[in-house]
PDB file of N, CA and C in Angstrom:
ATOM      1  N   UNK A   1     -26.924   3.591   0.498  1.00  0.00           N
ATOM      2  CA  UNK A   1     -25.945   4.568   0.054  1.00  0.00           C
ATOM      3  C   UNK A   1     -24.661   3.863  -0.414  1.00  0.00           C
ATOM      4  N   UNK A   2     -24.246   2.848   0.316  1.00  0.00           N
ATOM      5  CA  UNK A   2     -23.026   2.129  -0.051  1.00  0.00           C
ATOM      6  C   UNK A   2     -23.153   1.503  -1.439  1.00  0.00           C
ATOM      7  N   UNK A   3     -24.301   0.904  -1.714  1.00  0.00           N
ATOM      8  CA  UNK A   3     -24.512   0.279  -3.021  1.00  0.00           C
ATOM      9  C   UNK A   3     -24.460   1.324  -4.133  1.00  0.00           C
ATOM     10  N   UNK A   4     -25.035   2.487  -3.867  1.00  0.00           N
ATOM     11  CA  UNK A   4     -25.000   3.567  -4.857  1.00  0.00           C
ATOM     12  C   UNK A   4     -23.565   3.989  -5.145  1.00  0.00           C
ATOM     13  N   UNK A   5     -22.786   4.224  -4.091  1.00  0.00           N
ATOM     14  CA  UNK A   5     -21.405   4.672  -4.276  1.00  0.00           C
ATOM     15  C   UNK A   5     -20.561   3.619  -5.004  1.00  0.00           C
ATOM     16  N   UNK A   6     -20.782   2.359  -4.657  1.00  0.00           N
ATOM     17  CA  UNK A   6     -20.051   1.285  -5.323  1.00  0.00           C
ATOM     18  C   UNK A   6     -20.406   1.236  -6.810  1.00  0.00           C
ATOM     19  N   UNK A   7     -21.681   1.313  -7.113  1.00  0.00           N
ATOM     20  CA  UNK A   7     -22.131   1.285  -8.502  1.00  0.00           C
ATOM     21  C   UNK A   7     -21.610   2.501  -9.265  1.00  0.00           C
ATOM     22  N   UNK A   8     -21.683   3.658  -8.647  1.00  0.00           N
ATOM     23  CA  UNK A   8     -21.205   4.895  -9.283  1.00  0.00           C
ATOM     24  C   UNK A   8     -19.705   4.804  -9.559  1.00  0.00           C
ATOM     25  N   UNK A   9     -18.950   4.300  -8.580  1.00  0.00           N
ATOM     26  CA  UNK A   9     -17.506   4.183  -8.734  1.00  0.00           C
ATOM     27  C   UNK A   9     -17.149   3.232  -9.872  1.00  0.00           C
ATOM     28  N   UNK A  10     -17.838   2.112  -9.959  1.00  0.00           N
ATOM     29  CA  UNK A  10     -17.584   1.154 -11.040  1.00  0.00           C
ATOM     30  C   UNK A  10     -17.908   1.776 -12.400  1.00  0.00           C
ATOM     31  N   UNK A  11     -19.034   2.486 -12.477  1.00  0.00           N
ATOM     32  CA  UNK A  11     -19.422   3.133 -13.733  1.00  0.00           C
ATOM     33  C   UNK A  11     -18.408   4.205 -14.136  1.00  0.00           C
ATOM     34  N   UNK A  12     -18.008   5.002 -13.173  1.00  0.00           N
ATOM     35  CA  UNK A  12     -17.029   6.060 -13.441  1.00  0.00           C
ATOM     36  C   UNK A  12     -15.704   5.456 -13.888  1.00  0.00           C
ATOM     37  N   UNK A  13     -15.286   4.377 -13.243  1.00  0.00           N
ATOM     38  CA  UNK A  13     -14.045   3.698 -13.629  1.00  0.00           C
ATOM     39  C   UNK A  13     -14.122   3.220 -15.082  1.00  0.00           C
ATOM     40  N   UNK A  14     -15.259   2.679 -15.453  1.00  0.00           N
ATOM     41  CA  UNK A  14     -15.451   2.192 -16.820  1.00  0.00           C
ATOM     42  C   UNK A  14     -15.431   3.343 -17.823  1.00  0.00           C
ATOM     43  N   UNK A  15     -16.114   4.426 -17.496  1.00  0.00           N
ATOM     44  CA  UNK A  15     -16.198   5.566 -18.408  1.00  0.00           C
ATOM     45  C   UNK A  15     -14.849   6.256 -18.603  1.00  0.00           C
ATOM     46  N   UNK A  16     -13.995   6.197 -17.581  1.00  0.00           N
ATOM     47  CA  UNK A  16     -12.706   6.883 -17.646  1.00  0.00           C
ATOM     48  C   UNK A  16     -11.543   5.939 -17.954  1.00  0.00           C
ATOM     49  N   UNK A  17     -11.861   4.729 -18.360  1.00  0.00           N
ATOM     50  CA  UNK A  17     -10.827   3.715 -18.599  1.00  0.00           C
ATOM     51  C   UNK A  17      -9.801   4.140 -19.642  1.00  0.00           C
ATOM     52  N   UNK A  18     -10.201   4.903 -20.625  1.00  0.00           N
ATOM     53  CA  UNK A  18      -9.285   5.307 -21.695  1.00  0.00           C
ATOM     54  C   UNK A  18      -8.642   6.669 -21.442  1.00  0.00           C
ATOM     55  N   UNK A  19      -8.681   7.118 -20.207  1.00  0.00           N
ATOM     56  CA  UNK A  19      -8.066   8.399 -19.852  1.00  0.00           C
ATOM     57  C   UNK A  19      -6.948   8.142 -18.848  1.00  0.00           C
ATOM     58  N   UNK A  20      -6.324   9.205 -18.401  1.00  0.00           N
ATOM     59  CA  UNK A  20      -5.255   9.080 -17.404  1.00  0.00           C
ATOM     60  C   UNK A  20      -5.797   9.108 -15.976  1.00  0.00           C
ATOM     61  N   UNK A  21      -7.109   9.229 -15.835  1.00  0.00           N
ATOM     62  CA  UNK A  21      -7.740   9.286 -14.516  1.00  0.00           C
ATOM     63  C   UNK A  21      -7.924   7.874 -13.971  1.00  0.00           C
ATOM     64  N   UNK A  22      -7.521   7.675 -12.744  1.00  0.00           N
ATOM     65  CA  UNK A  22      -7.690   6.380 -12.084  1.00  0.00           C
ATOM     66  C   UNK A  22      -8.743   6.529 -10.988  1.00  0.00           C
ATOM     67  N   UNK A  23      -9.745   5.669 -10.998  1.00  0.00           N
ATOM     68  CA  UNK A  23     -10.821   5.712 -10.004  1.00  0.00           C
ATOM     69  C   UNK A  23     -10.611   4.558  -9.034  1.00  0.00           C
ATOM     70  N   UNK A  24     -10.414   4.900  -7.763  1.00  0.00           N
ATOM     71  CA  UNK A  24     -10.158   3.918  -6.716  1.00  0.00           C
ATOM     72  C   UNK A  24     -11.252   4.035  -5.669  1.00  0.00           C
ATOM     73  N   UNK A  25     -11.716   2.893  -5.195  1.00  0.00           N
ATOM     74  CA  UNK A  25     -12.747   2.864  -4.151  1.00  0.00           C
ATOM     75  C   UNK A  25     -12.118   2.349  -2.866  1.00  0.00           C
ATOM     76  N   UNK A  26     -12.192   3.151  -1.812  1.00  0.00           N
ATOM     77  CA  UNK A  26     -11.730   2.744  -0.485  1.00  0.00           C
ATOM     78  C   UNK A  26     -12.951   2.401   0.343  1.00  0.00           C
ATOM     79  N   UNK A  27     -12.962   1.176   0.889  1.00  0.00           N
ATOM     80  CA  UNK A  27     -14.073   0.703   1.705  1.00  0.00           C
ATOM     81  C   UNK A  27     -13.585   0.566   3.143  1.00  0.00           C
ATOM     82  N   UNK A  28     -13.507   1.669   3.875  1.00  0.00           N
ATOM     83  CA  UNK A  28     -12.940   1.585   5.221  1.00  0.00           C
ATOM     84  C   UNK A  28     -13.908   0.929   6.199  1.00  0.00           C
ATOM     85  N   UNK A  29     -13.369   0.121   7.111  1.00  0.00           N
ATOM     86  CA  UNK A  29     -14.209  -0.401   8.188  1.00  0.00           C
ATOM     87  C   UNK A  29     -14.392   0.703   9.229  1.00  0.00           C
ATOM     88  N   UNK A  30     -14.917   0.373  10.383  1.00  0.00           N
ATOM     89  CA  UNK A  30     -15.015   1.363  11.455  1.00  0.00           C
ATOM     90  C   UNK A  30     -13.592   1.701  11.890  1.00  0.00           C
ATOM     91  N   UNK A  31     -13.269   2.993  11.865  1.00  0.00           N
ATOM     92  CA  UNK A  31     -11.926   3.449  12.214  1.00  0.00           C
ATOM     93  C   UNK A  31     -11.946   3.947  13.653  1.00  0.00           C
ATOM     94  N   UNK A  32     -10.938   3.567  14.403  1.00  0.00           N
ATOM     95  CA  UNK A  32     -10.855   3.896  15.822  1.00  0.00           C
ATOM     96  C   UNK A  32     -10.485   5.364  16.012  1.00  0.00           C
ATOM     97  N   UNK A  33     -11.504   6.221  15.922  1.00  0.00           N
ATOM     98  CA  UNK A  33     -11.332   7.665  16.117  1.00  0.00           C
ATOM     99  C   UNK A  33     -12.414   8.158  17.070  1.00  0.00           C
ATOM    100  N   UNK A  34     -12.297   9.392  17.485  1.00  0.00           N
ATOM    101  CA  UNK A  34     -13.317   9.978  18.351  1.00  0.00           C
ATOM    102  C   UNK A  34     -14.673  10.029  17.665  1.00  0.00           C
ATOM    103  N   UNK A  35     -14.666  10.207  16.366  1.00  0.00           N
ATOM    104  CA  UNK A  35     -15.916  10.280  15.610  1.00  0.00           C
ATOM    105  C   UNK A  35     -16.722   8.995  15.754  1.00  0.00           C
ATOM    106  N   UNK A  36     -16.055   7.851  15.772  1.00  0.00           N
ATOM    107  CA  UNK A  36     -16.743   6.558  15.853  1.00  0.00           C
ATOM    108  C   UNK A  36     -16.969   6.090  17.281  1.00  0.00           C
ATOM    109  N   UNK A  37     -16.443   6.804  18.248  1.00  0.00           N
ATOM    110  CA  UNK A  37     -16.497   6.353  19.643  1.00  0.00           C
ATOM    111  C   UNK A  37     -17.927   6.093  20.129  1.00  0.00           C
ATOM    112  N   UNK A  38     -18.853   6.930  19.744  1.00  0.00           N
ATOM    113  CA  UNK A  38     -20.229   6.797  20.239  1.00  0.00           C
ATOM    114  C   UNK A  38     -21.178   6.145  19.250  1.00  0.00           C
ATOM    115  N   UNK A  39     -20.681   5.719  18.105  1.00  0.00           N
ATOM    116  CA  UNK A  39     -21.561   5.165  17.088  1.00  0.00           C
ATOM    117  C   UNK A  39     -21.940   3.717  17.321  1.00  0.00           C
ATOM    118  N   UNK A  40     -20.994   2.917  17.769  1.00  0.00           N
ATOM    119  CA  UNK A  40     -21.214   1.486  17.873  1.00  0.00           C
ATOM    120  C   UNK A  40     -20.807   0.976  19.240  1.00  0.00           C
ATOM    121  N   UNK A  41     -21.251  -0.232  19.518  1.00  0.00           N
ATOM    122  CA  UNK A  41     -20.841  -0.934  20.717  1.00  0.00           C
ATOM    123  C   UNK A  41     -19.310  -0.947  20.777  1.00  0.00           C
ATOM    124  N   UNK A  42     -18.714  -0.671  21.941  1.00  0.00           N
ATOM    125  CA  UNK A  42     -17.244  -0.635  22.040  1.00  0.00           C
ATOM    126  C   UNK A  42     -16.558  -1.947  21.661  1.00  0.00           C
ATOM    127  N   UNK A  43     -17.270  -3.055  21.735  1.00  0.00           N
ATOM    128  CA  UNK A  43     -16.655  -4.340  21.376  1.00  0.00           C
ATOM    129  C   UNK A  43     -16.621  -4.568  19.859  1.00  0.00           C
ATOM    130  N   UNK A  44     -17.289  -3.710  19.092  1.00  0.00           N
ATOM    131  CA  UNK A  44     -17.294  -3.857  17.635  1.00  0.00           C
ATOM    132  C   UNK A  44     -15.884  -3.620  17.114  1.00  0.00           C
ATOM    133  N   UNK A  45     -15.393  -4.491  16.220  1.00  0.00           N
ATOM    134  CA  UNK A  45     -14.006  -4.366  15.730  1.00  0.00           C
ATOM    135  C   UNK A  45     -13.763  -3.040  15.023  1.00  0.00           C
ATOM    136  N   UNK A  46     -12.592  -2.486  15.284  1.00  0.00           N
ATOM    137  CA  UNK A  46     -12.184  -1.222  14.662  1.00  0.00           C
ATOM    138  C   UNK A  46     -10.765  -1.358  14.135  1.00  0.00           C
ATOM    139  N   UNK A  47     -10.407  -0.467  13.228  1.00  0.00           N
ATOM    140  CA  UNK A  47      -9.057  -0.446  12.686  1.00  0.00           C
ATOM    141  C   UNK A  47      -8.432   0.901  13.057  1.00  0.00           C
ATOM    142  N   UNK A  48      -7.149   0.908  13.305  1.00  0.00           N
ATOM    143  CA  UNK A  48      -6.484   2.172  13.638  1.00  0.00           C
ATOM    144  C   UNK A  48      -6.332   3.015  12.371  1.00  0.00           C
ATOM    145  N   UNK A  49      -6.292   4.326  12.532  1.00  0.00           N
ATOM    146  CA  UNK A  49      -6.081   5.183  11.360  1.00  0.00           C
ATOM    147  C   UNK A  49      -4.778   4.846  10.634  1.00  0.00           C
ATOM    148  N   UNK A  50      -3.756   4.485  11.386  1.00  0.00           N
ATOM    149  CA  UNK A  50      -2.467   4.150  10.783  1.00  0.00           C
ATOM    150  C   UNK A  50      -2.571   2.905   9.900  1.00  0.00           C
ATOM    151  N   UNK A  51      -3.308   1.898  10.375  1.00  0.00           N
ATOM    152  CA  UNK A  51      -3.488   0.685   9.571  1.00  0.00           C
ATOM    153  C   UNK A  51      -4.320   0.969   8.323  1.00  0.00           C
ATOM    154  N   UNK A  52      -5.300   1.843   8.445  1.00  0.00           N
ATOM    155  CA  UNK A  52      -6.121   2.206   7.288  1.00  0.00           C
ATOM    156  C   UNK A  52      -5.264   2.895   6.221  1.00  0.00           C
ATOM    157  N   UNK A  53      -4.451   3.848   6.647  1.00  0.00           N
ATOM    158  CA  UNK A  53      -3.583   4.556   5.698  1.00  0.00           C
ATOM    159  C   UNK A  53      -2.586   3.595   5.058  1.00  0.00           C
ATOM    160  N   UNK A  54      -2.021   2.686   5.860  1.00  0.00           N
ATOM    161  CA  UNK A  54      -1.073   1.706   5.318  1.00  0.00           C
ATOM    162  C   UNK A  54      -1.744   0.821   4.268  1.00  0.00           C
ATOM    163  N   UNK A  55      -2.971   0.392   4.535  1.00  0.00           N
ATOM    164  CA  UNK A  55      -3.708  -0.440   3.572  1.00  0.00           C
ATOM    165  C   UNK A  55      -4.025   0.348   2.307  1.00  0.00           C
ATOM    166  N   UNK A  56      -4.390   1.613   2.460  1.00  0.00           N
ATOM    167  CA  UNK A  56      -4.669   2.469   1.307  1.00  0.00           C
ATOM    168  C   UNK A  56      -3.424   2.619   0.431  1.00  0.00           C
ATOM    169  N   UNK A  57      -2.306   2.944   1.054  1.00  0.00           N
ATOM    170  CA  UNK A  57      -1.071   3.128   0.292  1.00  0.00           C
ATOM    171  C   UNK A  57      -0.632   1.836  -0.394  1.00  0.00           C
ATOM    172  N   UNK A  58      -0.790   0.713   0.304  1.00  0.00           N
ATOM    173  CA  UNK A  58      -0.444  -0.584  -0.295  1.00  0.00           C
ATOM    174  C   UNK A  58      -1.341  -0.866  -1.503  1.00  0.00           C
ATOM    175  N   UNK A  59      -2.648  -0.609  -1.352  1.00  0.00           N
ATOM    176  CA  UNK A  59      -3.580  -0.814  -2.456  1.00  0.00           C
ATOM    177  C   UNK A  59      -3.271   0.072  -3.649  1.00  0.00           C
ATOM    178  N   UNK A  60      -2.936   1.326  -3.387  1.00  0.00           N
ATOM    179  CA  UNK A  60      -2.580   2.240  -4.476  1.00  0.00           C
ATOM    180  C   UNK A  60      -1.310   1.769  -5.177  1.00  0.00           C
ATOM    181  N   UNK A  61      -0.321   1.338  -4.395  1.00  0.00           N
ATOM    182  CA  UNK A  61       0.939   0.858  -4.965  1.00  0.00           C
ATOM    183  C   UNK A  61       0.720  -0.387  -5.829  1.00  0.00           C
ATOM    184  N   UNK A  62      -0.229  -1.251  -5.418  1.00  0.00           N
ATOM    185  CA  UNK A  62      -0.512  -2.489  -6.143  1.00  0.00           C
ATOM    186  C   UNK A  62      -1.573  -2.323  -7.236  1.00  0.00           C
ATOM    187  N   UNK A  63      -1.977  -1.071  -7.496  1.00  0.00           N
ATOM    188  CA  UNK A  63      -2.997  -0.780  -8.515  1.00  0.00           C
ATOM    189  C   UNK A  63      -4.317  -1.499  -8.257  1.00  0.00           C
ATOM    190  N   UNK A  64      -4.711  -1.574  -6.998  1.00  0.00           N
ATOM    191  CA  UNK A  64      -5.976  -2.199  -6.615  1.00  0.00           C
ATOM    192  C   UNK A  64      -7.109  -1.194  -6.816  1.00  0.00           C
ATOM    193  N   UNK A  65      -8.161  -1.611  -7.499  1.00  0.00           N
ATOM    194  CA  UNK A  65      -9.289  -0.711  -7.759  1.00  0.00           C
ATOM    195  C   UNK A  65     -10.224  -0.575  -6.565  1.00  0.00           C
ATOM    196  N   UNK A  66     -10.395  -1.660  -5.815  1.00  0.00           N
ATOM    197  CA  UNK A  66     -11.258  -1.650  -4.629  1.00  0.00           C
ATOM    198  C   UNK A  66     -10.423  -2.080  -3.432  1.00  0.00           C
ATOM    199  N   UNK A  67     -10.188  -1.147  -2.533  1.00  0.00           N
ATOM    200  CA  UNK A  67      -9.356  -1.404  -1.364  1.00  0.00           C
ATOM    201  C   UNK A  67     -10.278  -1.596  -0.163  1.00  0.00           C
ATOM    202  N   UNK A  68     -10.245  -2.800   0.399  1.00  0.00           N
ATOM    203  CA  UNK A  68     -11.131  -3.149   1.529  1.00  0.00           C
ATOM    204  C   UNK A  68     -10.290  -3.681   2.682  1.00  0.00           C
ATOM    205  N   UNK A  69      -9.739  -2.784   3.501  1.00  0.00           N
ATOM    206  CA  UNK A  69      -8.881  -3.229   4.592  1.00  0.00           C
ATOM    207  C   UNK A  69      -9.659  -3.762   5.798  1.00  0.00           C
ATOM    208  N   UNK A  70      -8.970  -4.564   6.589  1.00  0.00           N
ATOM    209  CA  UNK A  70      -9.549  -5.055   7.835  1.00  0.00           C
ATOM    210  C   UNK A  70     -10.840  -5.814   7.611  1.00  0.00           C
ATOM    211  N   UNK A  71     -11.802  -5.525   8.460  1.00  0.00           N
ATOM    212  CA  UNK A  71     -13.080  -6.225   8.421  1.00  0.00           C
ATOM    213  C   UNK A  71     -13.886  -5.904   7.158  1.00  0.00           C
ATOM    214  N   UNK A  72     -13.523  -4.874   6.452  1.00  0.00           N
ATOM    215  CA  UNK A  72     -14.262  -4.510   5.236  1.00  0.00           C
ATOM    216  C   UNK A  72     -14.262  -5.613   4.196  1.00  0.00           C
ATOM    217  N   UNK A  73     -13.180  -6.371   4.121  1.00  0.00           N
ATOM    218  CA  UNK A  73     -13.116  -7.452   3.135  1.00  0.00           C
ATOM    219  C   UNK A  73     -14.212  -8.479   3.401  1.00  0.00           C
ATOM    220  N   UNK A  74     -14.395  -8.849   4.678  1.00  0.00           N
ATOM    221  CA  UNK A  74     -15.450  -9.804   5.017  1.00  0.00           C
ATOM    222  C   UNK A  74     -16.833  -9.194   4.811  1.00  0.00           C
ATOM    223  N   UNK A  75     -16.987  -7.939   5.189  1.00  0.00           N
ATOM    224  CA  UNK A  75     -18.277  -7.268   5.029  1.00  0.00           C
ATOM    225  C   UNK A  75     -18.648  -7.136   3.550  1.00  0.00           C
ATOM    226  N   UNK A  76     -17.659  -6.881   2.714  1.00  0.00           N
ATOM    227  CA  UNK A  76     -17.900  -6.771   1.272  1.00  0.00           C
ATOM    228  C   UNK A  76     -18.416  -8.098   0.726  1.00  0.00           C
ATOM    229  N   UNK A  77     -17.771  -9.183   1.117  1.00  0.00           N
ATOM    230  CA  UNK A  77     -18.201 -10.511   0.674  1.00  0.00           C
ATOM    231  C   UNK A  77     -19.601 -10.826   1.195  1.00  0.00           C
ATOM    232  N   UNK A  78     -19.834 -10.580   2.475  1.00  0.00           N
ATOM    233  CA  UNK A  78     -21.143 -10.873   3.074  1.00  0.00           C
ATOM    234  C   UNK A  78     -22.251 -10.028   2.442  1.00  0.00           C
ATOM    235  N   UNK A  79     -21.931  -8.785   2.080  1.00  0.00           N
ATOM    236  CA  UNK A  79     -22.962  -7.918   1.495  1.00  0.00           C
ATOM    237  C   UNK A  79     -23.434  -8.443   0.149  1.00  0.00           C
ATOM    238  N   UNK A  80     -22.589  -9.223  -0.497  1.00  0.00           N
ATOM    239  CA  UNK A  80     -22.979  -9.788  -1.786  1.00  0.00           C
ATOM    240  C   UNK A  80     -23.636 -11.155  -1.635  1.00  0.00           C
ATOM    241  N   UNK A  81     -23.237 -11.911  -0.603  1.00  0.00           N
ATOM    242  CA  UNK A  81     -23.794 -13.249  -0.397  1.00  0.00           C
ATOM    243  C   UNK A  81     -25.106 -13.235   0.387  1.00  0.00           C
ATOM    244  N   UNK A  82     -25.165 -12.394   1.421  1.00  0.00           N
ATOM    245  CA  UNK A  82     -26.347 -12.368   2.292  1.00  0.00           C
ATOM    246  C   UNK A  82     -26.619 -10.941   2.761  1.00  0.00           C
ATOM    247  N   UNK A  83     -27.083 -10.075   1.861  1.00  0.00           N
ATOM    248  CA  UNK A  83     -27.254  -8.665   2.227  1.00  0.00           C
ATOM    249  C   UNK A  83     -28.255  -8.432   3.360  1.00  0.00           C
ATOM    250  N   UNK A  84     -29.338  -9.191   3.397  1.00  0.00           N
ATOM    251  CA  UNK A  84     -30.328  -9.008   4.459  1.00  0.00           C
ATOM    252  C   UNK A  84     -29.774  -9.356   5.822  1.00  0.00           C
ATOM    253  N   UNK A  85     -29.056 -10.456   5.911  1.00  0.00           N
ATOM    254  CA  UNK A  85     -28.450 -10.875   7.168  1.00  0.00           C
ATOM    255  C   UNK A  85     -27.436  -9.841   7.644  1.00  0.00           C
ATOM    256  N   UNK A  86     -26.594  -9.372   6.739  1.00  0.00           N
ATOM    257  CA  UNK A  86     -25.591  -8.380   7.108  1.00  0.00           C
ATOM    258  C   UNK A  86     -26.253  -7.099   7.606  1.00  0.00           C
ATOM    259  N   UNK A  87     -27.302  -6.671   6.935  1.00  0.00           N
ATOM    260  CA  UNK A  87     -28.019  -5.464   7.348  1.00  0.00           C
ATOM    261  C   UNK A  87     -28.539  -5.605   8.779  1.00  0.00           C
ATOM    262  N   UNK A  88     -29.121  -6.753   9.089  1.00  0.00           N
ATOM    263  CA  UNK A  88     -29.631  -7.002  10.447  1.00  0.00           C
ATOM    264  C   UNK A  88     -28.505  -6.970  11.468  1.00  0.00           C
ATOM    265  N   UNK A  89     -27.387  -7.600  11.163  1.00  0.00           N
ATOM    266  CA  UNK A  89     -26.268  -7.653  12.099  1.00  0.00           C
ATOM    267  C   UNK A  89     -25.671  -6.270  12.338  1.00  0.00           C
ATOM    268  N   UNK A  90     -25.523  -5.476  11.294  1.00  0.00           N
ATOM    269  CA  UNK A  90     -24.969  -4.145  11.440  1.00  0.00           C
ATOM    270  C   UNK A  90     -25.875  -3.268  12.294  1.00  0.00           C
ATOM    271  N   UNK A  91     -27.184  -3.374  12.077  1.00  0.00           N
ATOM    272  CA  UNK A  91     -28.124  -2.560  12.844  1.00  0.00           C
ATOM    273  C   UNK A  91     -28.221  -3.036  14.287  1.00  0.00           C
ATOM    274  N   UNK A  92     -28.004  -4.302  14.519  1.00  0.00           N
ATOM    275  CA  UNK A  92     -28.028  -4.825  15.887  1.00  0.00           C
ATOM    276  C   UNK A  92     -26.883  -4.259  16.696  1.00  0.00           C
ATOM    277  N   UNK A  93     -25.733  -3.984  16.050  1.00  0.00           N
ATOM    278  CA  UNK A  93     -24.569  -3.480  16.742  1.00  0.00           C
ATOM    279  C   UNK A  93     -24.588  -1.973  16.931  1.00  0.00           C
ATOM    280  N   UNK A  94     -25.469  -1.281  16.226  1.00  0.00           N
ATOM    281  CA  UNK A  94     -25.542   0.185  16.360  1.00  0.00           C
ATOM    282  C   UNK A  94     -26.197   0.548  17.673  1.00  0.00           C
ATOM    283  N   UNK A  95     -25.681   1.585  18.320  1.00  0.00           N
ATOM    284  CA  UNK A  95     -26.301   2.070  19.554  1.00  0.00           C
ATOM    285  C   UNK A  95     -27.589   2.787  19.213  1.00  0.00           C
ATOM    286  N   UNK A  96     -28.540   2.653  20.059  1.00  0.00           N
ATOM    287  CA  UNK A  96     -29.828   3.332  19.864  1.00  0.00           C
ATOM    288  C   UNK A  96     -29.767   4.732  20.420  1.00  0.00           C
TER     289      UNK A  96
END
């Protein structure tokens, strides 16, 4: 699903390049909220909602097309260099 959304966002950005519409992709890491409390091992790194919003606003101010705060930056790089390894690691950390 992530690959689809990334590809769709890039395509949409390209198609709308000559318009006033700006397409921005936010790649949030696990956010420390009640929703994520039961999803992953508690030791898995999380970002506070406040830090996520601050990173989003900074990215928008700097005209960044792909905003990857916190651990997302490393995950984005790893997903392109070693997608199979990353997939295994992410699934290993998920609670059954």
